[in-house]
Amino acid sequence: MTSALEGIRVLDFGRVLAAPYATMLLADLGAEVLKIESPQGDDTRHWGPPWRDGESTYFRAVNRNKDSLVLDLRDADDLTRARELVRNSDVLVENFRPGTMDRLGLGYDTARKLNAGIVYCSITGFGAKGGHDLPGYDLLVQATSGLMSITGQPATPTKVGVALIDVVTGLHATIGILAALRHRSRTGEGQRVETNLLSSALSALTNQASAYVEGGVNPAATGNDHPSIVPYGVFQAGDGAMVLAVGNDRQFSSLMDVLGRPDLADDSRYSTNAKRVENRHVLVKVIDNLLAAAPRSVWIGRLSAAGVPAGQVNSIPEAFELAESLDLQPIVDLARGGRKSRQVANPIQLSRTPPRYVSPPPAPGTAHKR
């Protein structure tokens, strides 16, 4: 079975998360990805605990289906080797600070002279202009993008529990690369693809950013509550936390029926979403009191049957158990050359060219001959 990106060669100069995540997605879709590492290796090889077989699980999360080649670009012979690889590749991905690849002798202008069809993707923290000297760490961007100001409780700015901006930026980079490859297939022209963590974060703020840009509103943290929809958040059942995601008046009416208070659906304080937002604090207390009468499993069963979105607040192990129960096959096992790894499956499903799982994350310098 062929893969969607079969025949595409990618040079992955990325480190940490955003760039390696993008190149792993390309590898899953069939691209041949060669991870170029310095003699010190990707920083995340050492980001533990936890560890698996002596390696950081952080590194192993975003580097499957790749080979590794150790090159020191400050060494003339290694730089020559790298340039030869550029001549014979389709895509180059890097996430150094702006100007670093130029200083190392592999900037975009050099690369396109070596290979006019190269798709050269640069990922930075704050762009290559005014923010070129700023370090691109996810936590820094979660703070400076405003994301932390709307996460958690008002008095406690809170980061998301995963490096979400790195992941979103990696997705944006992947989309840009695929668009550039499509353009090249029509014209033969390569091009530079650029994205940065701050711009990706602002884009990912979606409705919260639009509240400011279009509505002139300065969004604030609302804990687990939605700023524009009620009831839409975390509630307490008899045995623990659960969520309700009531997106329209019909669902609210069904919720009130299940909770035994159908009269509240017609109450002038709650009959429309705008009114429910206005009176959220009273309504949320009422719902919590009603939910306290039974355990989560009872409510979730009744609400789901009535078409009201409801679910348990799962731990990560419980989330994987849920995905397995739904036959989503969330985990894949990989093995090659004595190396083994358990990986989170690629979420993209393609009927003709599905993602492939060829090899575990590589040990340093284990590339096959190119």
Protein backbone atom coordinates (compact mmCIF):
# COMPACT_ATOMS: atom_id res chain seq x y z
CA MET A 1 0.00 0.00 0.00
CA THR A 2 1.40 3.39 -0.98
CA SER A 3 1.51 6.38 1.35
CA ALA A 4 0.32 9.89 0.58
CA LEU A 5 3.81 11.44 0.79
CA GLU A 6 5.78 8.51 -0.56
CA GLY A 7 8.90 9.76 -2.34
CA ILE A 8 9.10 13.03 -0.38
CA ARG A 9 12.43 13.47 1.42
CA VAL A 10 12.52 15.66 4.50
CA LEU A 11 15.54 17.00 6.37
CA ASP A 12 14.53 17.61 9.97
CA PHE A 13 16.84 20.10 11.68
CA GLY A 14 14.20 20.61 14.36
CA ARG A 15 14.61 20.26 18.08
CA VAL A 16 12.30 20.02 21.07
CA LEU A 17 8.64 19.94 19.93
CA ALA A 18 7.10 22.16 17.22
CA ALA A 19 9.36 21.15 14.32
CA PRO A 20 9.79 17.47 15.32
CA TYR A 21 6.01 17.17 15.70
CA ALA A 22 5.51 18.53 12.18
CA THR A 23 8.10 16.22 10.65
CA MET A 24 6.69 13.21 12.51
CA LEU A 25 3.29 13.91 10.95
CA LEU A 26 4.95 14.07 7.53
CA ALA A 27 6.74 10.79 8.27
CA ASP A 28 3.48 9.14 9.33
CA LEU A 29 2.03 10.15 5.97
CA GLY A 30 4.86 8.48 4.08
CA ALA A 31 7.68 11.01 3.83
CA GLU A 32 11.24 9.81 4.35
CA VAL A 33 12.45 11.92 7.28
CA LEU A 34 16.11 12.24 8.26
CA LYS A 35 16.60 13.89 11.65
CA ILE A 36 19.83 15.92 11.68
CA GLU A 37 21.21 16.20 15.19
CA SER A 38 24.21 18.01 16.60
CA PRO A 39 26.76 15.92 18.52
CA GLN A 40 24.87 16.91 21.70
CA GLY A 41 21.61 15.56 20.30
CA ASP A 42 18.10 16.94 20.52
CA ASP A 43 17.61 18.64 23.91
CA THR A 44 14.57 16.52 24.65
CA ARG A 45 16.60 13.29 24.65
CA HIS A 46 17.58 14.40 28.15
CA TRP A 47 14.21 15.76 29.33
CA GLY A 48 13.24 13.20 31.91
CA PRO A 49 11.87 11.58 33.94
CA PRO A 50 9.91 9.70 32.82
CA TRP A 51 12.14 7.39 30.79
CA ARG A 52 11.58 4.33 28.60
CA ASP A 53 14.55 2.04 27.95
CA GLY A 54 16.87 4.79 29.15
CA GLU A 55 15.43 7.43 26.82
CA SER A 56 13.17 10.39 27.53
CA THR A 57 9.52 9.68 26.77
CA TYR A 58 9.30 13.35 25.72
CA PHE A 59 11.73 12.73 22.85
CA ARG A 60 10.04 9.48 21.93
CA ALA A 61 6.66 11.26 21.66
CA VAL A 62 7.50 13.16 18.46
CA ASN A 63 10.27 11.32 16.61
CA ARG A 64 8.92 8.02 15.31
CA ASN A 65 9.37 6.95 11.68
CA LYS A 66 12.65 8.90 11.38
CA ASP A 67 16.30 8.09 10.94
CA SER A 68 18.97 10.11 12.74
CA LEU A 69 22.21 11.52 11.40
CA VAL A 70 24.70 13.35 13.62
CA LEU A 71 26.31 16.33 11.89
CA ASP A 72 28.29 19.24 13.29
CA LEU A 73 27.58 22.07 10.86
CA ARG A 74 30.64 23.95 12.16
CA ASP A 75 32.75 21.14 10.69
CA ALA A 76 33.55 21.68 6.99
CA ASP A 77 33.08 18.02 6.02
CA ASP A 78 29.78 17.74 7.86
CA LEU A 79 28.54 20.99 6.30
CA THR A 80 29.42 19.62 2.86
CA ARG A 81 27.47 16.46 3.66
CA ALA A 82 24.49 18.54 4.81
CA ARG A 83 24.51 20.60 1.63
CA GLU A 84 24.57 17.44 -0.46
CA LEU A 85 21.52 16.22 1.44
CA VAL A 86 19.76 19.52 0.67
CA ARG A 87 20.40 18.98 -3.04
CA ASN A 88 18.61 15.65 -2.85
CA SER A 89 15.72 16.54 -0.54
CA ASP A 90 12.28 18.04 -0.99
CA VAL A 91 11.71 19.69 2.38
CA LEU A 92 13.92 21.22 5.07
CA VAL A 93 12.47 22.06 8.48
CA GLU A 94 14.32 24.05 11.15
CA ASN A 95 13.39 25.88 14.33
CA PHE A 96 16.58 27.69 15.34
CA ARG A 97 16.52 31.35 16.23
CA PRO A 98 16.35 33.54 13.10
CA GLY A 99 19.75 33.87 11.47
CA THR A 100 21.25 30.71 13.01
CA MET A 101 20.97 28.60 9.87
CA ASP A 102 22.49 31.45 7.85
CA ARG A 103 25.46 31.58 10.21
CA LEU A 104 25.84 27.82 9.96
CA GLY A 105 25.91 28.02 6.15
CA LEU A 106 22.50 26.48 5.44
CA GLY A 107 20.12 29.45 5.31
CA TYR A 108 17.28 29.65 2.83
CA ASP A 109 19.22 31.62 0.21
CA THR A 110 21.96 28.99 0.23
CA ALA A 111 19.47 26.12 0.19
CA ARG A 112 17.50 27.40 -2.80
CA LYS A 113 20.73 27.86 -4.77
CA LEU A 114 21.53 24.23 -4.07
CA ASN A 115 17.98 23.11 -4.85
CA ALA A 116 15.49 25.44 -6.52
CA GLY A 117 12.61 23.13 -5.59
CA ILE A 118 13.32 22.99 -1.87
CA VAL A 119 10.45 23.74 0.51
CA TYR A 120 12.24 25.41 3.41
CA CYS A 121 10.20 25.68 6.60
CA SER A 122 11.38 27.94 9.42
CA ILE A 123 9.63 27.89 12.79
CA THR A 124 10.47 30.64 15.26
CA GLY A 125 9.16 31.90 18.56
CA PHE A 126 8.27 35.47 17.64
CA GLY A 127 9.06 35.82 13.94
CA ALA A 128 12.18 36.91 12.09
CA LYS A 129 11.71 40.67 12.42
CA GLY A 130 11.24 42.52 15.71
CA GLY A 131 11.17 39.30 17.73
CA HIS A 132 14.18 37.62 16.16
CA ASP A 133 16.20 37.66 19.42
CA LEU A 134 13.43 36.27 21.64
CA PRO A 135 13.68 32.60 22.67
CA GLY A 136 10.81 30.43 21.45
CA TYR A 137 9.69 28.42 24.46
CA ASP A 138 6.08 27.32 24.73
CA LEU A 139 5.63 28.56 28.30
CA LEU A 140 6.94 31.99 27.36
CA VAL A 141 4.47 32.20 24.47
CA GLN A 142 1.55 30.90 26.54
CA ALA A 143 2.26 33.86 28.82
CA THR A 144 2.95 36.56 26.24
CA SER A 145 0.16 35.53 23.85
CA GLY A 146 -2.55 36.11 26.44
CA LEU A 147 -3.44 32.43 26.70
CA MET A 148 -2.51 32.23 30.38
CA SER A 149 -4.63 35.30 31.12
CA ILE A 150 -7.79 33.42 30.10
CA THR A 151 -6.82 30.05 31.60
CA GLY A 152 -7.50 29.09 35.20
CA GLN A 153 -8.94 31.39 37.82
CA PRO A 154 -8.84 35.21 37.47
CA ALA A 155 -6.20 35.69 40.17
CA THR A 156 -4.02 32.79 39.04
CA PRO A 157 -2.75 32.87 35.43
CA THR A 158 -2.39 29.22 34.43
CA LYS A 159 -0.62 27.43 31.62
CA VAL A 160 -2.24 24.62 29.67
CA GLY A 161 -1.06 21.19 30.87
CA VAL A 162 0.79 20.42 27.62
CA ALA A 163 2.97 22.52 25.31
CA LEU A 164 -0.11 23.34 23.27
CA ILE A 165 1.36 26.26 21.31
CA ASP A 166 4.24 24.11 20.09
CA VAL A 167 1.72 21.52 18.89
CA VAL A 168 -0.50 24.11 17.16
CA THR A 169 2.54 25.67 15.51
CA GLY A 170 3.68 22.25 14.32
CA LEU A 171 0.27 21.72 12.75
CA HIS A 172 0.46 25.13 11.03
CA ALA A 173 3.94 24.30 9.75
CA THR A 174 2.70 20.99 8.35
CA ILE A 175 -0.17 22.69 6.53
CA GLY A 176 2.22 25.27 5.09
CA ILE A 177 4.63 22.57 3.91
CA LEU A 178 1.85 20.60 2.21
CA ALA A 179 0.57 23.76 0.51
CA ALA A 180 4.09 24.56 -0.72
CA LEU A 181 4.54 21.02 -2.02
CA ARG A 182 1.25 21.35 -3.91
CA HIS A 183 2.47 24.61 -5.45
CA ARG A 184 5.75 22.95 -6.42
CA SER A 185 3.92 20.06 -8.07
CA ARG A 186 2.25 22.60 -10.38
CA THR A 187 5.15 24.98 -11.00
CA GLY A 188 8.39 23.28 -10.00
CA GLU A 189 9.09 26.17 -7.63
CA GLY A 190 10.14 25.71 -4.06
CA GLN A 191 9.53 28.40 -1.48
CA ARG A 192 10.06 29.42 2.11
CA VAL A 193 7.40 28.58 4.67
CA GLU A 194 7.48 30.55 7.92
CA THR A 195 5.40 30.34 11.04
CA ASN A 196 5.97 31.34 14.63
CA LEU A 197 4.64 30.45 18.04
CA LEU A 198 3.14 33.84 18.86
CA SER A 199 1.15 34.14 15.61
CA SER A 200 -0.01 30.54 15.98
CA ALA A 201 -1.11 31.22 19.54
CA LEU A 202 -3.09 34.31 18.53
CA SER A 203 -4.78 32.32 15.77
CA ALA A 204 -5.57 29.49 18.21
CA LEU A 205 -7.29 31.95 20.57
CA THR A 206 -10.14 31.98 17.98
CA ASN A 207 -13.32 33.26 19.68
CA GLN A 208 -11.38 34.88 22.53
CA ALA A 209 -9.19 36.78 20.06
CA SER A 210 -12.25 37.74 18.03
CA ALA A 211 -13.92 39.07 21.17
CA TYR A 212 -11.08 41.59 21.33
CA VAL A 213 -10.46 42.23 17.62
CA GLU A 214 -14.13 42.52 16.63
CA GLY A 215 -15.87 43.31 19.89
CA GLY A 216 -13.34 45.42 21.76
CA VAL A 217 -13.61 43.11 24.77
CA ASN A 218 -10.66 42.19 26.97
CA PRO A 219 -11.36 38.49 27.76
CA ALA A 220 -10.67 37.31 31.29
CA ALA A 221 -10.13 33.95 32.93
CA THR A 222 -13.38 32.24 33.84
CA GLY A 223 -12.04 29.00 35.28
CA ASN A 224 -13.87 26.07 33.71
CA ASP A 225 -16.79 28.19 32.57
CA HIS A 226 -17.31 29.29 28.98
CA PRO A 227 -17.42 33.07 28.51
CA SER A 228 -20.35 32.93 26.09
CA ILE A 229 -22.31 29.70 26.80
CA VAL A 230 -24.09 28.48 29.94
CA PRO A 231 -24.21 25.76 31.22
CA TYR A 232 -20.91 24.80 29.63
CA GLY A 233 -18.27 23.74 32.16
CA VAL A 234 -17.40 21.49 35.08
CA PHE A 235 -20.07 20.48 37.57
CA GLN A 236 -20.10 18.30 40.68
CA ALA A 237 -22.16 15.12 40.67
CA GLY A 238 -22.59 12.91 43.73
CA ASP A 239 -19.25 11.17 43.27
CA GLY A 240 -17.05 13.68 41.44
CA ALA A 241 -16.54 16.11 38.58
CA MET A 242 -18.32 15.92 35.24
CA VAL A 243 -18.85 18.30 32.36
CA LEU A 244 -21.95 19.64 30.66
CA ALA A 245 -21.64 21.21 27.21
CA VAL A 246 -25.10 22.63 26.58
CA GLY A 247 -24.89 24.55 23.33
CA ASN A 248 -28.49 25.52 22.59
CA ASP A 249 -31.93 26.04 24.11
CA ARG A 250 -33.21 22.61 23.09
CA GLN A 251 -30.36 20.91 24.94
CA PHE A 252 -30.99 23.10 27.98
CA SER A 253 -34.64 22.10 28.00
CA SER A 254 -33.65 18.43 27.83
CA LEU A 255 -31.14 18.95 30.64
CA MET A 256 -33.82 20.43 32.87
CA ASP A 257 -36.16 17.55 32.05
CA VAL A 258 -33.52 14.98 33.07
CA LEU A 259 -32.72 16.91 36.27
CA GLY A 260 -36.39 17.05 37.21
CA ARG A 261 -36.79 20.81 36.84
CA PRO A 262 -38.51 21.35 33.46
CA ASP A 263 -39.94 24.60 34.77
CA LEU A 264 -36.48 26.23 34.66
CA ALA A 265 -36.35 25.91 30.86
CA ASP A 266 -39.23 28.43 30.69
CA ASP A 267 -37.98 30.64 33.51
CA SER A 268 -37.35 34.12 32.11
CA ARG A 269 -33.91 34.11 33.74
CA TYR A 270 -32.81 31.05 31.78
CA SER A 271 -34.99 30.76 28.68
CA THR A 272 -32.25 31.95 26.29
CA ASN A 273 -28.50 31.48 26.33
CA ALA A 274 -27.93 35.22 26.72
CA LYS A 275 -30.10 35.19 29.83
CA ARG A 276 -28.32 32.12 31.17
CA VAL A 277 -24.98 33.86 30.74
CA GLU A 278 -26.34 36.89 32.57
CA ASN A 279 -27.54 34.73 35.45
CA ARG A 280 -24.86 32.07 35.33
CA HIS A 281 -23.87 32.12 39.00
CA VAL A 282 -27.35 31.31 40.28
CA LEU A 283 -28.00 28.70 37.57
CA VAL A 284 -24.70 26.90 38.09
CA LYS A 285 -25.42 26.50 41.81
CA VAL A 286 -28.87 25.13 41.04
CA ILE A 287 -27.45 22.57 38.60
CA ASP A 288 -24.70 21.51 41.03
CA ASN A 289 -27.30 20.94 43.74
CA LEU A 290 -29.44 18.83 41.42
CA LEU A 291 -26.49 16.76 40.17
CA ALA A 292 -25.39 15.99 43.73
CA ALA A 293 -28.34 13.60 44.02
CA ALA A 294 -26.72 10.84 41.90
CA PRO A 295 -23.30 9.64 40.70
CA ARG A 296 -21.77 10.73 37.40
CA SER A 297 -22.41 7.47 35.60
CA VAL A 298 -26.15 7.77 36.22
CA TRP A 299 -26.35 11.35 35.01
CA ILE A 300 -24.12 10.79 31.99
CA GLY A 301 -26.24 7.82 30.90
CA ARG A 302 -29.51 9.73 31.26
CA LEU A 303 -28.21 12.91 29.68
CA SER A 304 -26.60 11.15 26.73
CA ALA A 305 -29.85 9.33 26.06
CA ALA A 306 -31.60 12.70 26.02
CA GLY A 307 -29.09 14.22 23.60
CA VAL A 308 -27.36 16.42 26.18
CA PRO A 309 -23.54 16.43 25.83
CA ALA A 310 -22.11 15.23 29.13
CA GLY A 311 -19.00 13.37 30.20
CA GLN A 312 -16.72 12.41 33.03
CA VAL A 313 -13.52 14.35 33.76
CA ASN A 314 -11.06 11.57 32.95
CA SER A 315 -7.47 11.00 33.92
CA ILE A 316 -5.15 10.37 30.97
CA PRO A 317 -5.26 6.58 31.53
CA GLU A 318 -9.05 6.77 31.63
CA ALA A 319 -9.02 8.78 28.38
CA PHE A 320 -7.05 6.04 26.64
CA GLU A 321 -9.44 3.44 28.06
CA LEU A 322 -12.34 5.43 26.59
CA ALA A 323 -10.68 5.63 23.17
CA GLU A 324 -10.02 1.88 23.24
CA SER A 325 -13.64 1.18 24.22
CA LEU A 326 -14.75 3.20 21.18
CA ASP A 327 -12.43 1.16 18.91
CA LEU A 328 -10.34 4.22 18.05
CA GLN A 329 -7.11 2.20 18.41
CA PRO A 330 -5.21 5.01 20.16
CA ILE A 331 -1.92 3.15 20.70
CA VAL A 332 0.42 1.51 18.19
CA ASP A 333 3.46 -0.68 18.87
CA LEU A 334 6.61 -0.19 16.80
CA ALA A 335 9.77 -2.25 16.55
CA ARG A 336 12.89 -2.18 14.39
CA GLY A 337 16.42 -3.39 14.95
CA GLY A 338 15.82 -4.38 18.54
CA ARG A 339 14.26 -1.03 19.45
CA LYS A 340 10.66 -0.97 20.58
CA SER A 341 8.21 1.80 21.39
CA ARG A 342 4.54 2.32 22.22
CA GLN A 343 3.19 5.38 20.46
CA VAL A 344 0.03 7.45 20.35
CA ALA A 345 -1.61 6.82 16.99
CA ASN A 346 -1.85 9.50 14.34
CA PRO A 347 -5.43 10.86 14.51
CA ILE A 348 -5.76 11.29 10.73
CA GLN A 349 -7.61 8.53 8.90
CA LEU A 350 -7.18 8.20 5.14
CA SER A 351 -9.10 5.52 3.27
CA ARG A 352 -6.52 5.00 0.50
CA THR A 353 -3.23 6.15 2.00
CA PRO A 354 -3.45 5.69 5.79
CA PRO A 355 -0.69 6.74 8.17
CA ARG A 356 2.15 4.25 8.47
CA TYR A 357 4.14 3.16 11.49
CA VAL A 358 7.57 2.01 10.42
CA SER A 359 10.09 2.57 13.18
CA PRO A 360 10.50 3.68 16.80
CA PRO A 361 12.21 6.99 17.56
CA PRO A 362 15.84 6.62 16.46
CA ALA A 363 19.00 6.35 18.49
CA PRO A 364 21.46 9.12 17.57
CA GLY A 365 23.24 8.60 14.26
CA THR A 366 21.32 5.55 13.05
CA ALA A 367 20.47 6.75 9.55
CA HIS A 368 20.49 4.39 6.60
CA LYS A 369 22.71 5.42 3.70
CA ARG A 370 21.23 8.12 1.47
